[in-house]
């Protein structure tokens, strides 16, 4: 398995120096603000700047000064200026879900579809977003570029996944392709799920009208729930993953291979939680799990598909 193309180098602690001093002098604050020392004295006299007076000398708490400066900023915040919640957003995947738990990274998951995840990612609600949006020339890149071209993110491959029609074990209805679904009960995902959007597109391309299939009332929020609806007999077919069908011992009719990527804030990439996840995804345990689940190709794990500048 190839190493991830981004790598974190150990950060060496630097010795204490003037930059680390907790207080600024009048001269240092004047240099920081690019104003005259006389102006600093005036600001302190009128209470316009955080300061303390010790034995007749003015000192300015560095941390409070930086907060005071930041409070005067305008314009949008960037990912580097906020504390990102330790959460992975976007599309649900059984292997990713398992890796988040087993890695001990401490990263939580809020997986409610690619579209939802990208929206939350743009709003700085997580460190990464899992996505598999089908595009004319491939997967994910055009969508990510249109929304994150000038933001500090990187899009890396997680896996290639086999997606198709999950049916009862012996395929009693003899389903074969999208066109054969007319007149049958089908499972559905939430509208923000890329798989649901692709499913509706493929049905239309196969000439299956909206009212030609019966959609189950209960929305499956994850790939596993999708498979369980077939397992429990609530639907005749679901557009899901081979890995789910195999685990539930259901029938599976492959339709396509999709690329499942992770969009990650660079800030988060080098922090301990995400590094722990990356190390785990390079382990034998992760590789063995992918093989046991079936329907995954992780040979390009970590390949960069988009690198914002």
Foldseek 3Di string as FASTA:
>chain_A
DDAFPDDADDDDDDDDDPVPDQKDFLVRVCVVVVHDSVVVVVCVVVVNAAWDADPNGIIHGPVRRVVSVVVPDDDDDALVVDDAQLEEEAAADPLVVVLLVVLPLPRHYDYQHHQVRVVCVLVRHHFKYKHFADDPVATDPVVCCVRDQAGQKFKFFQWKFWKFKWFAQVLPVPDAHLLSQFQWEEEAADPRHNLRVVSVVRNVVSVHDPVRYHYQPDHDRHLLSRNVCRVVPVTGIYTHTQLNNVVSNTDGHTDDITIMMMMGRPVVCNDRSNVSSSVSCPDPVSVVVDVVSDRIDRPRGNHTDDGHD
